[in-house]
């Protein structure tokens, strides 16, 4: 009888511990997703997809990236927030596509190209001086040819693609990031790795549930 009672108490303690752990995971997951959502509301990603993984197509991707990034950076120089940046990019999509097509033709290729502004899923990505968690972001996407090659990601607003590592905090602050968000993406917060992994975990769970 005593052995059965002890086993029952151990089982109950285990159940309580599991429930506490699950509750903590739910809270951390919810907070992590909120962090990602807050960041997503303040940035526009740049996503350039090459025609294929051939050496020539990958080199072309970078050349197209350079001309599109130059134009987009100049266009968004005076943008105060993501809403304004989005509006300017939408107005200029045809021009950005023309610039990309001109570059492709000047390099001797006849690939079609499409430039769009749309929501897209991104993995956790480390850049020079900052990191962004996985999740859905508004993205300026440049699709070259069949768009089946390795792609290139960065952030066109705020202009973190072109900012030196030391200038990232100032650029982010000017775009409306809180100091806590800046600390998080620039890795000054030692818990950023676990938080970003929590975002990935919860994003994967959401996909499975939907």
N, C-alpha and C. Protein backbone atom coordinates (compact mmCIF):
# COMPACT_ATOMS: atom_id res chain seq x y z
N UNK A 1 0.83 -1.21 0.00
CA UNK A 1 0.00 0.00 0.00
C UNK A 1 0.86 1.26 0.00
N UNK A 2 1.91 1.24 0.83
CA UNK A 2 2.78 2.41 0.92
C UNK A 2 3.53 2.61 -0.39
N UNK A 3 3.95 1.49 -0.99
CA UNK A 3 4.66 1.58 -2.27
C UNK A 3 3.78 2.20 -3.34
N UNK A 4 2.50 1.79 -3.35
CA UNK A 4 1.54 2.34 -4.31
C UNK A 4 1.32 3.83 -4.09
N UNK A 5 1.22 4.21 -2.81
CA UNK A 5 1.02 5.64 -2.49
C UNK A 5 2.23 6.47 -2.92
N UNK A 6 3.45 5.94 -2.70
CA UNK A 6 4.66 6.66 -3.08
C UNK A 6 4.74 6.81 -4.61
N UNK A 7 4.37 5.73 -5.31
CA UNK A 7 4.39 5.79 -6.77
C UNK A 7 3.39 6.82 -7.28
N UNK A 8 2.22 6.87 -6.64
CA UNK A 8 1.20 7.83 -7.02
C UNK A 8 1.65 9.26 -6.79
N UNK A 9 2.35 9.49 -5.67
CA UNK A 9 2.85 10.84 -5.37
C UNK A 9 3.92 11.26 -6.37
N UNK A 10 4.80 10.30 -6.72
CA UNK A 10 5.85 10.62 -7.71
C UNK A 10 5.23 10.95 -9.06
N UNK A 11 4.19 10.21 -9.44
CA UNK A 11 3.51 10.46 -10.71
C UNK A 11 2.84 11.83 -10.71
N UNK A 12 2.23 12.17 -9.56
CA UNK A 12 1.57 13.47 -9.47
C UNK A 12 2.58 14.61 -9.57
N UNK A 13 3.75 14.44 -8.90
CA UNK A 13 4.80 15.46 -8.97
C UNK A 13 5.31 15.61 -10.40
N UNK A 14 5.43 14.48 -11.09
CA UNK A 14 5.87 14.52 -12.48
C UNK A 14 4.86 15.25 -13.35
N UNK A 15 3.58 14.96 -13.12
CA UNK A 15 2.52 15.62 -13.90
C UNK A 15 2.54 17.12 -13.66
N UNK A 16 2.72 17.51 -12.39
CA UNK A 16 2.77 18.94 -12.06
C UNK A 16 3.96 19.61 -12.74
N UNK A 17 5.12 18.93 -12.70
CA UNK A 17 6.32 19.49 -13.32
C UNK A 17 6.12 19.66 -14.82
N UNK A 18 5.49 18.66 -15.44
CA UNK A 18 5.23 18.74 -16.88
C UNK A 18 4.27 19.87 -17.22
N UNK A 19 3.24 20.05 -16.38
CA UNK A 19 2.28 21.13 -16.60
C UNK A 19 2.94 22.50 -16.45
N UNK A 20 3.82 22.62 -15.45
CA UNK A 20 4.54 23.88 -15.25
C UNK A 20 5.44 24.16 -16.45
N UNK A 21 6.15 23.11 -16.91
CA UNK A 21 7.02 23.27 -18.07
C UNK A 21 6.24 23.66 -19.31
N UNK A 22 5.07 23.04 -19.50
CA UNK A 22 4.23 23.37 -20.66
C UNK A 22 3.74 24.80 -20.58
N UNK A 23 3.34 25.22 -19.37
CA UNK A 23 2.87 26.60 -19.19
C UNK A 23 3.98 27.60 -19.50
N UNK A 24 5.21 27.29 -19.04
CA UNK A 24 6.34 28.18 -19.30
C UNK A 24 6.64 28.24 -20.80
N UNK A 25 6.53 27.08 -21.47
CA UNK A 25 6.77 27.03 -22.91
C UNK A 25 5.72 27.84 -23.66
N UNK A 26 4.47 27.74 -23.23
CA UNK A 26 3.40 28.51 -23.87
C UNK A 26 3.64 30.01 -23.73
N UNK A 27 4.04 30.42 -22.53
CA UNK A 27 4.30 31.84 -22.28
C UNK A 27 5.49 32.33 -23.12
N UNK A 28 6.59 31.55 -23.11
CA UNK A 28 7.78 31.96 -23.87
C UNK A 28 7.49 31.97 -25.36
N UNK A 29 6.71 30.99 -25.81
CA UNK A 29 6.37 30.94 -27.23
C UNK A 29 5.52 32.12 -27.65
N UNK A 30 4.55 32.47 -26.83
CA UNK A 30 3.69 33.62 -27.13
C UNK A 30 4.49 34.91 -27.16
N UNK A 31 5.39 35.07 -26.20
CA UNK A 31 6.24 36.27 -26.16
C UNK A 31 7.18 36.31 -27.36
N UNK A 32 7.72 35.15 -27.74
CA UNK A 32 8.64 35.09 -28.87
C UNK A 32 7.93 35.47 -30.17
N UNK A 33 6.72 34.95 -30.35
CA UNK A 33 5.96 35.28 -31.55
C UNK A 33 5.59 36.76 -31.58
N UNK A 34 5.28 37.32 -30.42
CA UNK A 34 4.95 38.75 -30.36
C UNK A 34 6.18 39.58 -30.75
N UNK A 35 7.36 39.14 -30.29
CA UNK A 35 8.60 39.82 -30.64
C UNK A 35 8.81 39.80 -32.15
N UNK A 36 8.60 38.63 -32.76
CA UNK A 36 8.78 38.52 -34.21
C UNK A 36 7.76 39.39 -34.94
N UNK A 37 6.52 39.38 -34.47
CA UNK A 37 5.48 40.20 -35.10
C UNK A 37 5.82 41.68 -35.03
N UNK A 38 6.32 42.10 -33.87
CA UNK A 38 6.70 43.51 -33.70
C UNK A 38 7.82 43.90 -34.66
N UNK A 39 8.81 43.03 -34.80
CA UNK A 39 9.91 43.31 -35.72
C UNK A 39 9.42 43.32 -37.17
N UNK A 40 8.54 42.36 -37.50
CA UNK A 40 8.03 42.26 -38.87
C UNK A 40 7.26 43.51 -39.27
N UNK A 41 6.63 44.16 -38.29
CA UNK A 41 5.86 45.37 -38.57
C UNK A 41 6.75 46.57 -38.87
N UNK A 42 8.07 46.40 -38.70
CA UNK A 42 8.97 47.54 -38.84
C UNK A 42 10.01 47.38 -39.95
N UNK A 43 10.00 46.23 -40.64
CA UNK A 43 11.02 46.02 -41.66
C UNK A 43 10.42 45.57 -42.99
N UNK A 44 11.18 45.79 -44.04
CA UNK A 44 10.88 45.22 -45.37
C UNK A 44 12.12 44.44 -45.77
N UNK A 45 11.95 43.15 -46.04
CA UNK A 45 13.08 42.32 -46.45
C UNK A 45 13.30 42.45 -47.95
N UNK A 46 14.50 42.13 -48.40
CA UNK A 46 14.81 42.04 -49.82
C UNK A 46 15.15 40.59 -50.13
N UNK A 47 14.51 40.03 -51.15
CA UNK A 47 14.65 38.61 -51.47
C UNK A 47 14.87 38.47 -52.97
N UNK A 48 16.08 38.09 -53.36
CA UNK A 48 16.41 37.96 -54.77
C UNK A 48 16.64 36.49 -55.08
N UNK A 49 15.87 35.95 -56.03
CA UNK A 49 15.95 34.53 -56.38
C UNK A 49 16.57 34.37 -57.76
N UNK A 50 17.65 33.59 -57.82
CA UNK A 50 18.35 33.35 -59.07
C UNK A 50 17.59 32.37 -59.94
N UNK A 51 17.88 32.39 -61.23
CA UNK A 51 17.25 31.45 -62.17
C UNK A 51 17.60 30.01 -61.80
N UNK A 52 18.89 29.78 -61.47
CA UNK A 52 19.35 28.43 -61.11
C UNK A 52 20.57 28.54 -60.21
N UNK A 53 21.17 27.41 -59.89
CA UNK A 53 22.36 27.41 -59.05
C UNK A 53 23.65 27.40 -59.87
N UNK A 54 23.55 27.59 -61.18
CA UNK A 54 24.77 27.63 -61.98
C UNK A 54 25.60 28.84 -61.57
N UNK A 55 26.89 28.75 -61.81
CA UNK A 55 27.79 29.84 -61.43
C UNK A 55 27.40 31.14 -62.13
N UNK A 56 27.00 31.04 -63.37
CA UNK A 56 26.62 32.23 -64.15
C UNK A 56 25.35 32.86 -63.60
N UNK A 57 24.36 32.03 -63.29
CA UNK A 57 23.09 32.56 -62.78
C UNK A 57 23.25 33.16 -61.39
N UNK A 58 24.12 32.57 -60.59
CA UNK A 58 24.36 33.11 -59.25
C UNK A 58 25.08 34.46 -59.33
N UNK A 59 26.00 34.58 -60.27
CA UNK A 59 26.69 35.86 -60.47
C UNK A 59 25.71 36.92 -60.96
N UNK A 60 24.82 36.52 -61.86
CA UNK A 60 23.81 37.46 -62.37
C UNK A 60 22.89 37.92 -61.24
N UNK A 61 22.52 37.01 -60.37
CA UNK A 61 21.66 37.35 -59.23
C UNK A 61 22.26 38.50 -58.43
N UNK A 62 23.56 38.44 -58.19
CA UNK A 62 24.21 39.47 -57.39
C UNK A 62 24.26 40.81 -58.12
N UNK A 63 24.42 40.77 -59.42
CA UNK A 63 24.42 42.01 -60.20
C UNK A 63 23.04 42.66 -60.20
N UNK A 64 22.01 41.83 -60.35
CA UNK A 64 20.64 42.35 -60.29
C UNK A 64 20.35 42.88 -58.89
N UNK A 65 20.79 42.15 -57.89
CA UNK A 65 20.62 42.61 -56.51
C UNK A 65 21.20 44.00 -56.32
N UNK A 66 22.39 44.22 -56.83
CA UNK A 66 23.08 45.49 -56.62
C UNK A 66 22.29 46.67 -57.19
N UNK A 67 21.76 46.51 -58.41
CA UNK A 67 21.06 47.65 -59.03
C UNK A 67 19.70 47.88 -58.36
N UNK A 68 19.02 46.80 -57.99
CA UNK A 68 17.73 46.95 -57.32
C UNK A 68 17.93 47.55 -55.93
N UNK A 69 18.94 47.08 -55.21
CA UNK A 69 19.22 47.59 -53.87
C UNK A 69 19.60 49.06 -53.90
N UNK A 70 20.38 49.44 -54.89
CA UNK A 70 20.78 50.85 -55.01
C UNK A 70 19.57 51.74 -55.20
N UNK A 71 18.68 51.34 -56.11
CA UNK A 71 17.48 52.14 -56.37
C UNK A 71 16.56 52.18 -55.15
N UNK A 72 16.33 51.01 -54.53
CA UNK A 72 15.43 50.94 -53.38
C UNK A 72 15.97 51.73 -52.20
N UNK A 73 17.27 51.67 -51.98
CA UNK A 73 17.89 52.41 -50.88
C UNK A 73 17.72 53.91 -51.08
N UNK A 74 17.94 54.37 -52.30
CA UNK A 74 17.77 55.79 -52.62
C UNK A 74 16.30 56.20 -52.44
N UNK A 75 15.40 55.34 -52.87
CA UNK A 75 13.96 55.63 -52.80
C UNK A 75 13.49 55.76 -51.35
N UNK A 76 14.03 54.89 -50.49
CA UNK A 76 13.55 54.82 -49.11
C UNK A 76 14.35 55.67 -48.13
N UNK A 77 15.25 56.46 -48.65
CA UNK A 77 16.16 57.22 -47.80
C UNK A 77 15.41 58.10 -46.79
N UNK A 78 14.27 58.65 -47.20
CA UNK A 78 13.54 59.58 -46.34
C UNK A 78 12.33 58.93 -45.65
N UNK A 79 12.18 57.62 -45.79
CA UNK A 79 11.02 56.95 -45.18
C UNK A 79 11.11 56.98 -43.66
N UNK A 80 10.00 57.35 -43.02
CA UNK A 80 9.98 57.44 -41.57
C UNK A 80 9.62 56.12 -40.91
N UNK A 81 8.85 55.28 -41.61
CA UNK A 81 8.42 54.01 -41.02
C UNK A 81 8.13 53.01 -42.15
N UNK A 82 7.77 51.77 -41.75
CA UNK A 82 7.54 50.74 -42.75
C UNK A 82 6.33 51.06 -43.64
N UNK A 83 5.32 51.67 -43.08
CA UNK A 83 4.14 52.00 -43.85
C UNK A 83 4.49 52.92 -45.02
N UNK A 84 5.29 53.92 -44.74
CA UNK A 84 5.71 54.84 -45.78
C UNK A 84 6.63 54.14 -46.78
N UNK A 85 7.51 53.28 -46.28
CA UNK A 85 8.42 52.53 -47.15
C UNK A 85 7.64 51.62 -48.09
N UNK A 86 6.63 50.96 -47.55
CA UNK A 86 5.80 50.07 -48.38
C UNK A 86 5.10 50.85 -49.49
N UNK A 87 4.55 52.00 -49.15
CA UNK A 87 3.84 52.81 -50.15
C UNK A 87 4.78 53.25 -51.27
N UNK A 88 5.97 53.67 -50.92
CA UNK A 88 6.94 54.11 -51.92
C UNK A 88 7.37 52.96 -52.83
N UNK A 89 7.59 51.81 -52.24
CA UNK A 89 8.01 50.66 -53.04
C UNK A 89 6.90 50.21 -53.99
N UNK A 90 5.66 50.22 -53.52
CA UNK A 90 4.55 49.81 -54.39
C UNK A 90 4.42 50.75 -55.58
N UNK A 91 4.64 52.02 -55.35
CA UNK A 91 4.56 52.99 -56.44
C UNK A 91 5.69 52.79 -57.45
N UNK A 92 6.79 52.21 -57.00
CA UNK A 92 8.00 52.11 -57.84
C UNK A 92 8.28 50.70 -58.34
N UNK A 93 7.35 49.76 -58.16
CA UNK A 93 7.60 48.37 -58.55
C UNK A 93 7.93 48.25 -60.04
N UNK A 94 7.18 48.96 -60.87
CA UNK A 94 7.42 48.88 -62.32
C UNK A 94 8.81 49.37 -62.67
N UNK A 95 9.25 50.44 -62.01
CA UNK A 95 10.59 50.99 -62.27
C UNK A 95 11.67 50.02 -61.79
N UNK A 96 11.46 49.42 -60.63
CA UNK A 96 12.43 48.45 -60.11
C UNK A 96 12.53 47.24 -61.05
N UNK A 97 11.40 46.83 -61.58
CA UNK A 97 11.40 45.70 -62.52
C UNK A 97 12.12 46.09 -63.81
N UNK A 98 11.91 47.30 -64.27
CA UNK A 98 12.59 47.77 -65.49
C UNK A 98 14.10 47.80 -65.27
N UNK A 99 14.53 48.27 -64.11
CA UNK A 99 15.96 48.33 -63.80
C UNK A 99 16.56 46.93 -63.77
N UNK A 100 15.84 45.99 -63.15
CA UNK A 100 16.33 44.61 -63.08
C UNK A 100 16.42 43.99 -64.47
N UNK A 101 15.40 44.24 -65.30
CA UNK A 101 15.39 43.69 -66.65
C UNK A 101 16.51 44.27 -67.49
N UNK A 102 16.75 45.57 -67.35
CA UNK A 102 17.82 46.21 -68.10
C UNK A 102 19.18 45.61 -67.74
N UNK A 103 19.38 45.34 -66.45
CA UNK A 103 20.64 44.74 -66.01
C UNK A 103 20.80 43.33 -66.58
N UNK A 104 19.73 42.56 -66.56
CA UNK A 104 19.77 41.20 -67.10
C UNK A 104 20.12 41.22 -68.59
N UNK A 105 19.48 42.13 -69.34
CA UNK A 105 19.74 42.21 -70.77
C UNK A 105 21.18 42.68 -71.05
N UNK A 106 21.67 43.62 -70.25
CA UNK A 106 23.02 44.13 -70.45
C UNK A 106 24.08 43.07 -70.18
N UNK A 107 23.70 42.06 -69.39
CA UNK A 107 24.62 40.95 -69.09
C UNK A 107 24.51 39.83 -70.11
N UNK A 108 23.64 40.02 -71.11
CA UNK A 108 23.53 39.05 -72.18
C UNK A 108 22.53 37.94 -71.95
N UNK A 109 21.60 38.11 -71.02
CA UNK A 109 20.60 37.08 -70.75
C UNK A 109 19.20 37.56 -71.17
N UNK A 110 18.34 36.60 -71.45
CA UNK A 110 16.98 36.93 -71.88
C UNK A 110 15.95 36.48 -70.85
N UNK A 111 16.39 36.23 -69.63
CA UNK A 111 15.45 35.77 -68.60
C UNK A 111 14.37 36.82 -68.33
N UNK A 112 13.15 36.37 -68.12
CA UNK A 112 12.13 37.30 -67.63
C UNK A 112 12.42 37.60 -66.16
N UNK A 113 11.88 38.70 -65.67
CA UNK A 113 12.07 39.04 -64.26
C UNK A 113 10.78 39.66 -63.72
N UNK A 114 10.46 39.33 -62.51
CA UNK A 114 9.28 39.90 -61.86
C UNK A 114 9.71 40.48 -60.52
N UNK A 115 9.20 41.67 -60.21
CA UNK A 115 9.47 42.30 -58.92
C UNK A 115 8.13 42.51 -58.22
N UNK A 116 8.02 42.00 -57.02
CA UNK A 116 6.76 42.08 -56.29
C UNK A 116 6.99 42.43 -54.83
N UNK A 117 5.96 42.94 -54.19
CA UNK A 117 6.02 43.25 -52.76
C UNK A 117 4.94 42.40 -52.10
N UNK A 118 5.37 41.42 -51.33
CA UNK A 118 4.41 40.45 -50.79
C UNK A 118 4.93 39.86 -49.48
N UNK A 119 4.04 39.23 -48.73
CA UNK A 119 4.44 38.56 -47.50
C UNK A 119 5.15 37.26 -47.85
N UNK A 120 6.23 36.96 -47.14
CA UNK A 120 6.99 35.74 -47.41
C UNK A 120 7.57 35.21 -46.11
N UNK A 121 7.75 33.90 -46.06
CA UNK A 121 8.34 33.24 -44.88
C UNK A 121 9.86 33.25 -44.98
N UNK A 122 10.51 33.56 -43.86
CA UNK A 122 11.97 33.58 -43.80
C UNK A 122 12.44 32.76 -42.61
N UNK A 123 13.58 32.08 -42.75
CA UNK A 123 14.17 31.40 -41.59
C UNK A 123 14.93 32.41 -40.74
N UNK A 124 15.37 31.99 -39.55
CA UNK A 124 16.26 32.86 -38.77
C UNK A 124 17.50 33.12 -39.61
N UNK A 125 17.89 34.38 -39.71
CA UNK A 125 19.00 34.73 -40.60
C UNK A 125 19.96 35.70 -39.90
N UNK A 126 21.24 35.36 -39.93
CA UNK A 126 22.28 36.22 -39.36
C UNK A 126 22.92 37.05 -40.47
N UNK A 127 23.02 38.34 -40.20
CA UNK A 127 23.67 39.26 -41.12
C UNK A 127 24.87 39.88 -40.42
N UNK A 128 25.53 40.80 -41.09
CA UNK A 128 26.67 41.48 -40.49
C UNK A 128 26.19 42.49 -39.46
N UNK A 129 26.23 42.12 -38.20
CA UNK A 129 25.87 43.05 -37.13
C UNK A 129 24.49 42.87 -36.56
N UNK A 130 23.66 41.99 -37.14
CA UNK A 130 22.33 41.79 -36.58
C UNK A 130 21.76 40.45 -37.04
N UNK A 131 20.70 40.01 -36.38
CA UNK A 131 20.02 38.76 -36.69
C UNK A 131 18.52 38.99 -36.62
N UNK A 132 17.77 38.39 -37.53
CA UNK A 132 16.31 38.47 -37.48
C UNK A 132 15.72 37.07 -37.29
N UNK A 133 14.69 36.95 -36.45
CA UNK A 133 14.08 35.64 -36.21
C UNK A 133 13.25 35.16 -37.39
N UNK A 134 13.00 33.86 -37.43
CA UNK A 134 12.17 33.28 -38.48
C UNK A 134 10.75 33.84 -38.39
N UNK A 135 10.05 33.81 -39.52
CA UNK A 135 8.66 34.25 -39.51
C UNK A 135 8.27 34.88 -40.83
N UNK A 136 7.08 35.44 -40.85
CA UNK A 136 6.55 36.08 -42.06
C UNK A 136 6.88 37.57 -42.05
N UNK A 137 7.43 38.05 -43.16
CA UNK A 137 7.80 39.46 -43.30
C UNK A 137 7.33 39.98 -44.66
N UNK A 138 7.10 41.27 -44.73
CA UNK A 138 6.86 41.90 -46.02
C UNK A 138 8.18 41.89 -46.77
N UNK A 139 8.15 41.45 -48.03
CA UNK A 139 9.41 41.32 -48.77
C UNK A 139 9.30 41.90 -50.17
N UNK A 140 10.35 42.59 -50.57
CA UNK A 140 10.53 43.00 -51.95
C UNK A 140 11.23 41.84 -52.64
N UNK A 141 10.50 41.11 -53.47
CA UNK A 141 11.02 39.88 -54.09
C UNK A 141 11.34 40.12 -55.56
N UNK A 142 12.53 39.68 -55.95
CA UNK A 142 12.98 39.79 -57.34
C UNK A 142 13.17 38.37 -57.85
N UNK A 143 12.32 37.94 -58.77
CA UNK A 143 12.35 36.58 -59.28
C UNK A 143 12.92 36.58 -60.70
N UNK A 144 14.11 35.99 -60.83
CA UNK A 144 14.81 35.97 -62.11
C UNK A 144 14.58 34.63 -62.81
N UNK A 145 14.09 34.68 -64.03
CA UNK A 145 13.87 33.46 -64.79
C UNK A 145 12.95 32.49 -64.05
N UNK A 146 13.40 31.24 -63.87
CA UNK A 146 12.60 30.24 -63.18
C UNK A 146 12.65 30.39 -61.66
N UNK A 147 13.54 31.25 -61.17
CA UNK A 147 13.65 31.53 -59.73
C UNK A 147 13.81 30.25 -58.90
N UNK A 148 14.64 29.33 -59.39
CA UNK A 148 14.85 28.06 -58.71
C UNK A 148 16.24 27.93 -58.09
N UNK A 149 17.02 28.99 -58.19
CA UNK A 149 18.38 28.94 -57.64
C UNK A 149 18.44 29.44 -56.21
N UNK A 150 19.63 29.34 -55.62
CA UNK A 150 19.83 29.86 -54.27
C UNK A 150 19.49 31.34 -54.24
N UNK A 151 18.87 31.77 -53.14
CA UNK A 151 18.43 33.16 -53.08
C UNK A 151 19.28 33.99 -52.13
N UNK A 152 19.02 35.28 -52.14
CA UNK A 152 19.78 36.23 -51.31
C UNK A 152 18.79 37.04 -50.51
N UNK A 153 19.01 37.12 -49.19
CA UNK A 153 18.11 37.85 -48.30
C UNK A 153 18.84 38.99 -47.62
N UNK A 154 18.12 40.04 -47.38
CA UNK A 154 18.62 41.09 -46.49
C UNK A 154 17.44 41.97 -46.09
N UNK A 155 17.73 43.17 -45.60
CA UNK A 155 16.68 44.10 -45.15
C UNK A 155 16.87 45.42 -45.89
N UNK A 156 15.84 45.80 -46.65
CA UNK A 156 15.94 47.03 -47.42
C UNK A 156 15.39 48.23 -46.64
N UNK A 157 14.49 47.97 -45.68
CA UNK A 157 14.05 49.03 -44.78
C UNK A 157 13.89 48.46 -43.37
N UNK A 158 14.54 49.10 -42.38
CA UNK A 158 15.52 50.18 -42.53
C UNK A 158 16.72 49.71 -43.34
N UNK A 159 17.56 50.63 -43.82
CA UNK A 159 18.64 50.25 -44.74
C UNK A 159 19.77 49.48 -44.07
N UNK A 160 19.45 48.31 -43.53
CA UNK A 160 20.45 47.52 -42.80
C UNK A 160 21.37 46.77 -43.75
N UNK A 161 20.92 46.55 -45.00
CA UNK A 161 21.76 45.87 -45.99
C UNK A 161 23.03 46.66 -46.26
N UNK A 162 22.88 47.95 -46.32
CA UNK A 162 24.00 48.81 -46.72
C UNK A 162 24.69 49.47 -45.53
N UNK A 163 24.15 49.27 -44.33
CA UNK A 163 24.75 49.90 -43.15
C UNK A 163 25.93 49.08 -42.64
N UNK A 164 26.96 49.78 -42.21
CA UNK A 164 28.08 49.09 -41.57
C UNK A 164 27.57 48.52 -40.25
N UNK A 165 28.25 47.49 -39.77
CA UNK A 165 27.82 46.81 -38.55
C UNK A 165 27.61 47.80 -37.40
N UNK A 166 28.51 48.76 -37.27
CA UNK A 166 28.42 49.72 -36.17
C UNK A 166 27.26 50.69 -36.34
N UNK A 167 26.74 50.82 -37.57
CA UNK A 167 25.66 51.76 -37.83
C UNK A 167 24.27 51.14 -37.74
N UNK A 168 24.21 49.82 -37.55
CA UNK A 168 22.92 49.12 -37.50
C UNK A 168 22.01 49.66 -36.39
N UNK A 169 22.50 49.83 -35.15
CA UNK A 169 21.61 50.35 -34.09
C UNK A 169 20.99 51.69 -34.43
N UNK A 170 21.77 52.61 -34.99
CA UNK A 170 21.24 53.94 -35.32
C UNK A 170 20.19 53.86 -36.42
N UNK A 171 20.44 53.02 -37.42
CA UNK A 171 19.47 52.86 -38.51
C UNK A 171 18.17 52.25 -38.00
N UNK A 172 18.29 51.26 -37.12
CA UNK A 172 17.10 50.62 -36.56
C UNK A 172 16.32 51.58 -35.68
N UNK A 173 17.04 52.37 -34.88
CA UNK A 173 16.39 53.34 -33.99
C UNK A 173 15.62 54.37 -34.81
N UNK A 174 16.20 54.82 -35.91
CA UNK A 174 15.54 55.82 -36.76
C UNK A 174 14.27 55.26 -37.41
N UNK A 175 14.21 53.93 -37.55
CA UNK A 175 13.04 53.30 -38.16
C UNK A 175 11.96 52.94 -37.15
N UNK A 176 12.19 53.31 -35.89
CA UNK A 176 11.16 53.08 -34.88
C UNK A 176 11.36 51.86 -34.00
N UNK A 177 12.50 51.20 -34.09
CA UNK A 177 12.78 50.07 -33.22
C UNK A 177 12.94 50.56 -31.79
N UNK A 178 12.46 49.76 -30.85
CA UNK A 178 12.70 50.08 -29.44
C UNK A 178 14.13 49.66 -29.09
N UNK A 179 14.64 50.18 -27.99
CA UNK A 179 16.00 49.82 -27.58
C UNK A 179 16.08 48.33 -27.27
N UNK A 180 15.02 47.77 -26.72
CA UNK A 180 14.99 46.34 -26.44
C UNK A 180 15.08 45.52 -27.72
N UNK A 181 14.37 45.95 -28.76
CA UNK A 181 14.42 45.24 -30.05
C UNK A 181 15.80 45.36 -30.68
N UNK A 182 16.41 46.53 -30.55
CA UNK A 182 17.76 46.72 -31.09
C UNK A 182 18.74 45.81 -30.37
N UNK A 183 18.64 45.77 -29.05
CA UNK A 183 19.52 44.89 -28.28
C UNK A 183 19.34 43.44 -28.69
N UNK A 184 18.09 43.06 -28.97
CA UNK A 184 17.80 41.68 -29.34
C UNK A 184 18.42 41.31 -30.68
N UNK A 185 18.18 42.12 -31.72
CA UNK A 185 18.67 41.75 -33.05
C UNK A 185 20.18 41.91 -33.19
N UNK A 186 20.79 42.77 -32.35
CA UNK A 186 22.24 42.96 -32.44
C UNK A 186 22.99 42.06 -31.46
N UNK A 187 22.27 41.11 -30.86
CA UNK A 187 22.86 40.07 -30.02
C UNK A 187 23.41 40.59 -28.70
N UNK A 188 23.02 41.80 -28.30
CA UNK A 188 23.47 42.30 -27.02
C UNK A 188 22.69 41.66 -25.87
N UNK A 189 21.55 41.08 -26.21
CA UNK A 189 20.76 40.35 -25.21
C UNK A 189 21.15 38.89 -25.31
N UNK A 190 21.77 38.35 -24.24
CA UNK A 190 22.33 37.00 -24.29
C UNK A 190 21.27 35.93 -24.51
N UNK A 191 20.00 36.26 -24.31
CA UNK A 191 18.96 35.26 -24.50
C UNK A 191 18.38 35.24 -25.90
N UNK A 192 18.99 35.98 -26.84
CA UNK A 192 18.38 36.09 -28.16
C UNK A 192 18.33 34.76 -28.90
N UNK A 193 19.33 33.90 -28.70
CA UNK A 193 19.36 32.63 -29.41
C UNK A 193 18.16 31.77 -29.01
N UNK A 194 17.92 31.65 -27.70
CA UNK A 194 16.79 30.86 -27.24
C UNK A 194 15.47 31.45 -27.69
N UNK A 195 15.36 32.77 -27.68
CA UNK A 195 14.12 33.42 -28.11
C UNK A 195 13.86 33.16 -29.59
N UNK A 196 14.90 33.25 -30.41
CA UNK A 196 14.72 33.02 -31.84
C UNK A 196 14.38 31.57 -32.12
N UNK A 197 14.99 30.64 -31.36
CA UNK A 197 14.65 29.23 -31.51
C UNK A 197 13.20 28.98 -31.11
N UNK A 198 12.74 29.70 -30.09
CA UNK A 198 11.35 29.57 -29.66
C UNK A 198 10.41 30.03 -30.77
N UNK A 199 10.79 31.10 -31.48
CA UNK A 199 9.99 31.57 -32.60
C UNK A 199 9.89 30.49 -33.67
N UNK A 200 11.04 29.89 -34.01
CA UNK A 200 11.05 28.84 -35.03
C UNK A 200 10.16 27.67 -34.60
N UNK A 201 10.25 27.29 -33.32
CA UNK A 201 9.47 26.17 -32.80
C UNK A 201 7.98 26.45 -32.92
N UNK A 202 7.57 27.63 -32.52
CA UNK A 202 6.15 27.97 -32.56
C UNK A 202 5.65 28.17 -33.98
N UNK A 203 6.48 28.69 -34.86
CA UNK A 203 6.08 28.81 -36.25
C UNK A 203 5.83 27.42 -36.85
N UNK A 204 6.69 26.46 -36.49
CA UNK A 204 6.53 25.10 -37.00
C UNK A 204 5.27 24.46 -36.44
N UNK A 205 4.99 24.69 -35.16
CA UNK A 205 3.75 24.14 -34.57
C UNK A 205 2.52 24.72 -35.24
N UNK A 206 2.56 26.03 -35.52
CA UNK A 206 1.41 26.66 -36.17
C UNK A 206 1.13 26.04 -37.54
N UNK A 207 2.21 25.76 -38.29
CA UNK A 207 2.04 25.15 -39.61
C UNK A 207 1.39 23.77 -39.50
N UNK A 208 1.78 23.02 -38.48
CA UNK A 208 1.25 21.66 -38.31
C UNK A 208 -0.21 21.69 -37.87
N UNK A 209 -0.57 22.71 -37.07
CA UNK A 209 -1.94 22.80 -36.58
C UNK A 209 -2.90 23.29 -37.67
N UNK A 210 -2.39 24.13 -38.58
CA UNK A 210 -3.26 24.73 -39.61
C UNK A 210 -3.57 23.73 -40.73
